[in-house]
Amino acid sequence: MTRNAFQNLSDEALLDYYHSTRNLRAFRLLYSRHKDSLYRYCAQMNFPAAASIVEQLWQSLLERPPELCGRLLRNWLFIRASQLLSLDTSGNQEDTEPKTLPTAEQAPAVESNTVLAAMQQLPRIERNILLLHMECRLPLATVADIERISLKKCRALYQQGKEQLREILHGPERQPWQVEEVRL
């Protein structure tokens, strides 16, 4: 198959082709399409474990391509990454407190970007919903499935997270002056 033919295939068709032929060119193209957004997502959710989680995800996809059962590969990748992120190295559930920012020598790009730094101040579930919907461009219905919450609650948490992020970045919303009436 020519390189141009690979470029025109969807992710799911490339995965099927890789699954049947084990052609590494097909895998490399899948990897190049999704590596950056997956790493950014994992780094924002759990910076110290991001590299190992992404490596584990791609290694499992390389060795045993998943059966998608009608699901989009992009959705499967982020669902699996979210599952791996929810478990720490000892197998315990991740705490619900926001992670502290990495040091300057660990991630100078994260500290220099105020939006990413503000994201780190959000609670885990709101940060995950915002990242999956805004950065990874997953529909809120898929995000609700990943978080195992209702779509209504997911929408509410998304709005709440956006408002908290706006407040962190720009301060509280200005209130109009109120002049009390003075009676003589």
C-alpha atoms as a PDB file:
ATOM      1  CA  MET A   1       0.000   0.000   0.000  1.00  0.00           C
ATOM      2  CA  THR A   2       1.363   3.420  -0.894  1.00  0.00           C
ATOM      3  CA  ARG A   3       1.975   6.223   1.595  1.00  0.00           C
ATOM      4  CA  ASN A   4      -0.850   8.314   0.100  1.00  0.00           C
ATOM      5  CA  ALA A   5      -3.249   5.407   0.472  1.00  0.00           C
ATOM      6  CA  PHE A   6      -2.336   5.229   4.179  1.00  0.00           C
ATOM      7  CA  GLN A   7      -2.978   8.955   4.597  1.00  0.00           C
ATOM      8  CA  ASN A   8      -6.519   8.604   3.272  1.00  0.00           C
ATOM      9  CA  LEU A   9      -7.516   5.770   5.608  1.00  0.00           C
ATOM     10  CA  SER A  10      -9.495   6.457   8.766  1.00  0.00           C
ATOM     11  CA  ASP A  11      -8.031   5.517  12.137  1.00  0.00           C
ATOM     12  CA  GLU A  12     -10.277   2.488  12.363  1.00  0.00           C
ATOM     13  CA  ALA A  13      -9.326   1.272   8.866  1.00  0.00           C
ATOM     14  CA  LEU A  14      -5.628   1.767   9.681  1.00  0.00           C
ATOM     15  CA  LEU A  15      -6.065  -0.225  12.897  1.00  0.00           C
ATOM     16  CA  ASP A  16      -7.812  -3.038  11.007  1.00  0.00           C
ATOM     17  CA  TYR A  17      -5.057  -3.003   8.388  1.00  0.00           C
ATOM     18  CA  TYR A  18      -2.382  -3.089  11.099  1.00  0.00           C
ATOM     19  CA  HIS A  19      -4.255  -5.833  12.951  1.00  0.00           C
ATOM     20  CA  SER A  20      -4.372  -8.050   9.849  1.00  0.00           C
ATOM     21  CA  THR A  21      -0.910  -7.326   8.397  1.00  0.00           C
ATOM     22  CA  ARG A  22       1.179  -6.045  11.357  1.00  0.00           C
ATOM     23  CA  ASN A  23       2.531  -3.404   8.973  1.00  0.00           C
ATOM     24  CA  LEU A  24       4.458  -0.942  11.164  1.00  0.00           C
ATOM     25  CA  ARG A  25       3.883   1.920   8.719  1.00  0.00           C
ATOM     26  CA  ALA A  26       0.173   1.773   9.552  1.00  0.00           C
ATOM     27  CA  PHE A  27       0.954   1.826  13.270  1.00  0.00           C
ATOM     28  CA  ARG A  28       3.399   4.735  12.876  1.00  0.00           C
ATOM     29  CA  LEU A  29       0.733   6.771  11.124  1.00  0.00           C
ATOM     30  CA  LEU A  30      -1.781   6.074  13.902  1.00  0.00           C
ATOM     31  CA  TYR A  31       0.858   6.995  16.451  1.00  0.00           C
ATOM     32  CA  SER A  32       1.727  10.256  14.708  1.00  0.00           C
ATOM     33  CA  ARG A  33      -1.954  11.244  14.512  1.00  0.00           C
ATOM     34  CA  HIS A  34      -2.647  10.861  18.239  1.00  0.00           C
ATOM     35  CA  LYS A  35       0.625  10.994  20.196  1.00  0.00           C
ATOM     36  CA  ASP A  36       0.630  14.718  20.951  1.00  0.00           C
ATOM     37  CA  SER A  37      -2.934  15.082  22.173  1.00  0.00           C
ATOM     38  CA  LEU A  38      -2.683  11.902  24.255  1.00  0.00           C
ATOM     39  CA  TYR A  39       0.525  13.049  25.926  1.00  0.00           C
ATOM     40  CA  ARG A  40      -0.829  16.557  26.613  1.00  0.00           C
ATOM     41  CA  TYR A  41      -3.939  15.049  28.173  1.00  0.00           C
ATOM     42  CA  CYS A  42      -1.958  12.636  30.356  1.00  0.00           C
ATOM     43  CA  ALA A  43       0.545  15.334  31.372  1.00  0.00           C
ATOM     44  CA  GLN A  44      -2.239  17.641  32.526  1.00  0.00           C
ATOM     45  CA  MET A  45      -3.931  14.899  34.514  1.00  0.00           C
ATOM     46  CA  ASN A  46      -0.852  13.315  36.118  1.00  0.00           C
ATOM     47  CA  PHE A  47       2.476  14.754  34.976  1.00  0.00           C
ATOM     48  CA  PRO A  48       4.844  12.358  36.788  1.00  0.00           C
ATOM     49  CA  ALA A  49       3.137   9.275  35.306  1.00  0.00           C
ATOM     50  CA  ALA A  50       2.308  10.681  31.851  1.00  0.00           C
ATOM     51  CA  ALA A  51       5.212   9.176  29.924  1.00  0.00           C
ATOM     52  CA  SER A  52       4.796   5.695  31.375  1.00  0.00           C
ATOM     53  CA  ILE A  53       1.018   5.717  30.848  1.00  0.00           C
ATOM     54  CA  VAL A  54       1.331   6.785  27.213  1.00  0.00           C
ATOM     55  CA  GLU A  55       4.063   4.208  26.654  1.00  0.00           C
ATOM     56  CA  GLN A  56       1.919   1.480  28.231  1.00  0.00           C
ATOM     57  CA  LEU A  57      -1.070   2.511  26.101  1.00  0.00           C
ATOM     58  CA  TRP A  58       0.849   2.408  22.813  1.00  0.00           C
ATOM     59  CA  GLN A  59       2.630  -0.817  23.761  1.00  0.00           C
ATOM     60  CA  SER A  60      -0.686  -2.569  24.423  1.00  0.00           C
ATOM     61  CA  LEU A  61      -2.093  -1.247  21.143  1.00  0.00           C
ATOM     62  CA  LEU A  62       1.013  -2.453  19.284  1.00  0.00           C
ATOM     63  CA  GLU A  63       0.918  -5.939  20.812  1.00  0.00           C
ATOM     64  CA  ARG A  64      -2.842  -6.498  20.973  1.00  0.00           C
ATOM     65  CA  PRO A  65      -4.898  -4.141  18.803  1.00  0.00           C
ATOM     66  CA  PRO A  66      -8.300  -3.634  20.431  1.00  0.00           C
ATOM     67  CA  GLU A  67     -11.584  -4.692  18.935  1.00  0.00           C
ATOM     68  CA  LEU A  68     -13.429  -1.408  18.762  1.00  0.00           C
ATOM     69  CA  CYS A  69     -16.944  -2.831  18.307  1.00  0.00           C
ATOM     70  CA  GLY A  70     -18.120   0.241  16.400  1.00  0.00           C
ATOM     71  CA  ARG A  71     -16.328   2.738  18.649  1.00  0.00           C
ATOM     72  CA  LEU A  72     -13.924   5.316  17.224  1.00  0.00           C
ATOM     73  CA  LEU A  73     -10.245   4.616  17.880  1.00  0.00           C
ATOM     74  CA  ARG A  74      -9.729   8.163  19.164  1.00  0.00           C
ATOM     75  CA  ASN A  75     -12.445   7.648  21.778  1.00  0.00           C
ATOM     76  CA  TRP A  76     -10.989   4.264  22.737  1.00  0.00           C
ATOM     77  CA  LEU A  77      -7.525   5.796  23.208  1.00  0.00           C
ATOM     78  CA  PHE A  78      -8.776   8.484  25.577  1.00  0.00           C
ATOM     79  CA  ILE A  79     -11.051   6.084  27.454  1.00  0.00           C
ATOM     80  CA  ARG A  80      -8.113   3.731  27.986  1.00  0.00           C
ATOM     81  CA  ALA A  81      -5.794   6.606  28.951  1.00  0.00           C
ATOM     82  CA  SER A  82      -8.350   7.823  31.470  1.00  0.00           C
ATOM     83  CA  GLN A  83      -8.599   4.328  32.952  1.00  0.00           C
ATOM     84  CA  LEU A  84      -4.830   4.081  33.249  1.00  0.00           C
ATOM     85  CA  LEU A  85      -4.639   7.548  34.794  1.00  0.00           C
ATOM     86  CA  SER A  86      -7.245   6.705  37.416  1.00  0.00           C
ATOM     87  CA  LEU A  87      -4.963   4.020  38.785  1.00  0.00           C
ATOM     88  CA  ASP A  88      -1.720   5.012  40.407  1.00  0.00           C
ATOM     89  CA  THR A  89       1.358   2.767  40.384  1.00  0.00           C
ATOM     90  CA  SER A  90       0.141   0.761  43.376  1.00  0.00           C
ATOM     91  CA  GLY A  91      -3.287   0.173  41.827  1.00  0.00           C
ATOM     92  CA  ASN A  92      -5.130   2.539  44.161  1.00  0.00           C
ATOM     93  CA  GLN A  93      -7.633   5.074  42.908  1.00  0.00           C
ATOM     94  CA  GLU A  94      -6.263   8.532  42.228  1.00  0.00           C
ATOM     95  CA  ASP A  95      -7.138  11.114  44.831  1.00  0.00           C
ATOM     96  CA  THR A  96      -9.648  13.803  43.986  1.00  0.00           C
ATOM     97  CA  GLU A  97      -7.415  16.727  44.974  1.00  0.00           C
ATOM     98  CA  PRO A  98      -5.770  18.688  42.180  1.00  0.00           C
ATOM     99  CA  LYS A  99      -2.157  17.856  41.482  1.00  0.00           C
ATOM    100  CA  THR A 100       0.544  20.368  42.256  1.00  0.00           C
ATOM    101  CA  LEU A 101       2.381  21.933  39.380  1.00  0.00           C
ATOM    102  CA  PRO A 102       5.592  20.292  38.227  1.00  0.00           C
ATOM    103  CA  THR A 103       8.821  22.118  38.963  1.00  0.00           C
ATOM    104  CA  ALA A 104      10.362  24.418  36.376  1.00  0.00           C
ATOM    105  CA  GLU A 105      13.023  21.913  35.432  1.00  0.00           C
ATOM    106  CA  GLN A 106      10.375  19.202  34.912  1.00  0.00           C
ATOM    107  CA  ALA A 107       8.032  21.155  32.669  1.00  0.00           C
ATOM    108  CA  PRO A 108       8.963  24.729  31.807  1.00  0.00           C
ATOM    109  CA  ALA A 109       6.226  24.896  29.158  1.00  0.00           C
ATOM    110  CA  VAL A 110       3.508  24.047  31.675  1.00  0.00           C
ATOM    111  CA  GLU A 111       4.594  26.747  34.110  1.00  0.00           C
ATOM    112  CA  SER A 112       4.934  29.394  31.441  1.00  0.00           C
ATOM    113  CA  ASN A 113       1.424  28.858  30.138  1.00  0.00           C
ATOM    114  CA  THR A 114      -1.102  30.418  32.498  1.00  0.00           C
ATOM    115  CA  VAL A 115      -4.064  28.477  31.112  1.00  0.00           C
ATOM    116  CA  LEU A 116      -2.393  25.134  31.745  1.00  0.00           C
ATOM    117  CA  ALA A 117      -1.295  26.256  35.192  1.00  0.00           C
ATOM    118  CA  ALA A 118      -4.851  27.369  35.962  1.00  0.00           C
ATOM    119  CA  MET A 119      -6.157  23.985  34.774  1.00  0.00           C
ATOM    120  CA  GLN A 120      -4.035  22.320  37.444  1.00  0.00           C
ATOM    121  CA  GLN A 121      -5.967  24.174  40.141  1.00  0.00           C
ATOM    122  CA  LEU A 122      -9.287  22.580  39.159  1.00  0.00           C
ATOM    123  CA  PRO A 123     -10.584  19.441  40.888  1.00  0.00           C
ATOM    124  CA  ARG A 124      -9.710  16.211  39.032  1.00  0.00           C
ATOM    125  CA  ILE A 125     -13.145  15.483  37.579  1.00  0.00           C
ATOM    126  CA  GLU A 126     -13.670  19.013  36.251  1.00  0.00           C
ATOM    127  CA  ARG A 127     -10.133  19.124  34.862  1.00  0.00           C
ATOM    128  CA  ASN A 128     -10.691  15.766  33.155  1.00  0.00           C
ATOM    129  CA  ILE A 129     -14.019  16.858  31.645  1.00  0.00           C
ATOM    130  CA  LEU A 130     -12.579  20.147  30.374  1.00  0.00           C
ATOM    131  CA  LEU A 131      -9.487  18.500  28.904  1.00  0.00           C
ATOM    132  CA  LEU A 132     -11.392  15.685  27.232  1.00  0.00           C
ATOM    133  CA  HIS A 133     -13.969  18.026  25.728  1.00  0.00           C
ATOM    134  CA  MET A 134     -11.874  21.106  24.898  1.00  0.00           C
ATOM    135  CA  GLU A 135      -8.393  19.722  24.237  1.00  0.00           C
ATOM    136  CA  CYS A 136      -9.203  16.228  23.002  1.00  0.00           C
ATOM    137  CA  ARG A 137     -12.433  17.285  21.267  1.00  0.00           C
ATOM    138  CA  LEU A 138     -14.500  14.397  22.558  1.00  0.00           C
ATOM    139  CA  PRO A 139     -18.272  14.885  22.733  1.00  0.00           C
ATOM    140  CA  LEU A 140     -19.707  15.432  26.214  1.00  0.00           C
ATOM    141  CA  ALA A 141     -21.660  12.175  25.915  1.00  0.00           C
ATOM    142  CA  THR A 142     -18.384  10.259  25.517  1.00  0.00           C
ATOM    143  CA  VAL A 143     -16.823  12.216  28.380  1.00  0.00           C
ATOM    144  CA  ALA A 144     -19.819  11.336  30.567  1.00  0.00           C
ATOM    145  CA  ASP A 145     -19.283   7.646  29.713  1.00  0.00           C
ATOM    146  CA  ILE A 146     -15.597   7.903  30.591  1.00  0.00           C
ATOM    147  CA  GLU A 147     -16.392   9.505  33.957  1.00  0.00           C
ATOM    148  CA  ARG A 148     -19.376   7.165  34.503  1.00  0.00           C
ATOM    149  CA  ILE A 149     -21.744  10.042  35.214  1.00  0.00           C
ATOM    150  CA  SER A 150     -24.965  11.221  33.579  1.00  0.00           C
ATOM    151  CA  LEU A 151     -24.822  13.591  30.650  1.00  0.00           C
ATOM    152  CA  LYS A 152     -26.709  16.211  32.676  1.00  0.00           C
ATOM    153  CA  LYS A 153     -24.150  16.076  35.490  1.00  0.00           C
ATOM    154  CA  CYS A 154     -21.319  16.125  32.951  1.00  0.00           C
ATOM    155  CA  ARG A 155     -22.705  19.303  31.370  1.00  0.00           C
ATOM    156  CA  ALA A 156     -23.079  20.914  34.788  1.00  0.00           C
ATOM    157  CA  LEU A 157     -19.510  20.004  35.778  1.00  0.00           C
ATOM    158  CA  TYR A 158     -18.256  21.277  32.414  1.00  0.00           C
ATOM    159  CA  GLN A 159     -19.955  24.656  32.924  1.00  0.00           C
ATOM    160  CA  GLN A 160     -18.758  24.810  36.529  1.00  0.00           C
ATOM    161  CA  GLY A 161     -15.199  23.995  35.462  1.00  0.00           C
ATOM    162  CA  LYS A 162     -15.257  26.672  32.748  1.00  0.00           C
ATOM    163  CA  GLU A 163     -16.495  29.248  35.262  1.00  0.00           C
ATOM    164  CA  GLN A 164     -13.822  28.258  37.799  1.00  0.00           C
ATOM    165  CA  LEU A 165     -11.150  28.424  35.111  1.00  0.00           C
ATOM    166  CA  ARG A 166     -12.353  31.867  34.022  1.00  0.00           C
ATOM    167  CA  GLU A 167     -12.297  33.042  37.641  1.00  0.00           C
ATOM    168  CA  ILE A 168      -8.781  31.676  38.199  1.00  0.00           C
ATOM    169  CA  LEU A 169      -7.521  33.378  35.040  1.00  0.00           C
ATOM    170  CA  HIS A 170      -9.374  36.695  35.228  1.00  0.00           C
ATOM    171  CA  GLY A 171     -10.493  37.018  38.842  1.00  0.00           C
ATOM    172  CA  PRO A 172     -14.062  37.103  40.075  1.00  0.00           C
ATOM    173  CA  GLU A 173     -16.693  38.669  37.856  1.00  0.00           C
ATOM    174  CA  ARG A 174     -17.044  42.364  38.485  1.00  0.00           C
ATOM    175  CA  GLN A 175     -20.141  43.424  40.327  1.00  0.00           C
ATOM    176  CA  PRO A 176     -21.863  46.723  39.589  1.00  0.00           C
ATOM    177  CA  TRP A 177     -21.530  49.496  42.108  1.00  0.00           C
ATOM    178  CA  GLN A 178     -24.359  49.665  44.557  1.00  0.00           C
ATOM    179  CA  VAL A 179     -24.990  52.963  46.191  1.00  0.00           C
ATOM    180  CA  GLU A 180     -26.993  52.846  49.337  1.00  0.00           C
ATOM    181  CA  GLU A 181     -29.633  55.452  49.645  1.00  0.00           C
ATOM    182  CA  VAL A 182     -28.936  57.863  52.451  1.00  0.00           C
ATOM    183  CA  ARG A 183     -32.016  59.195  54.220  1.00  0.00           C
ATOM    184  CA  LEU A 184     -31.866  62.506  55.957  1.00  0.00           C
END
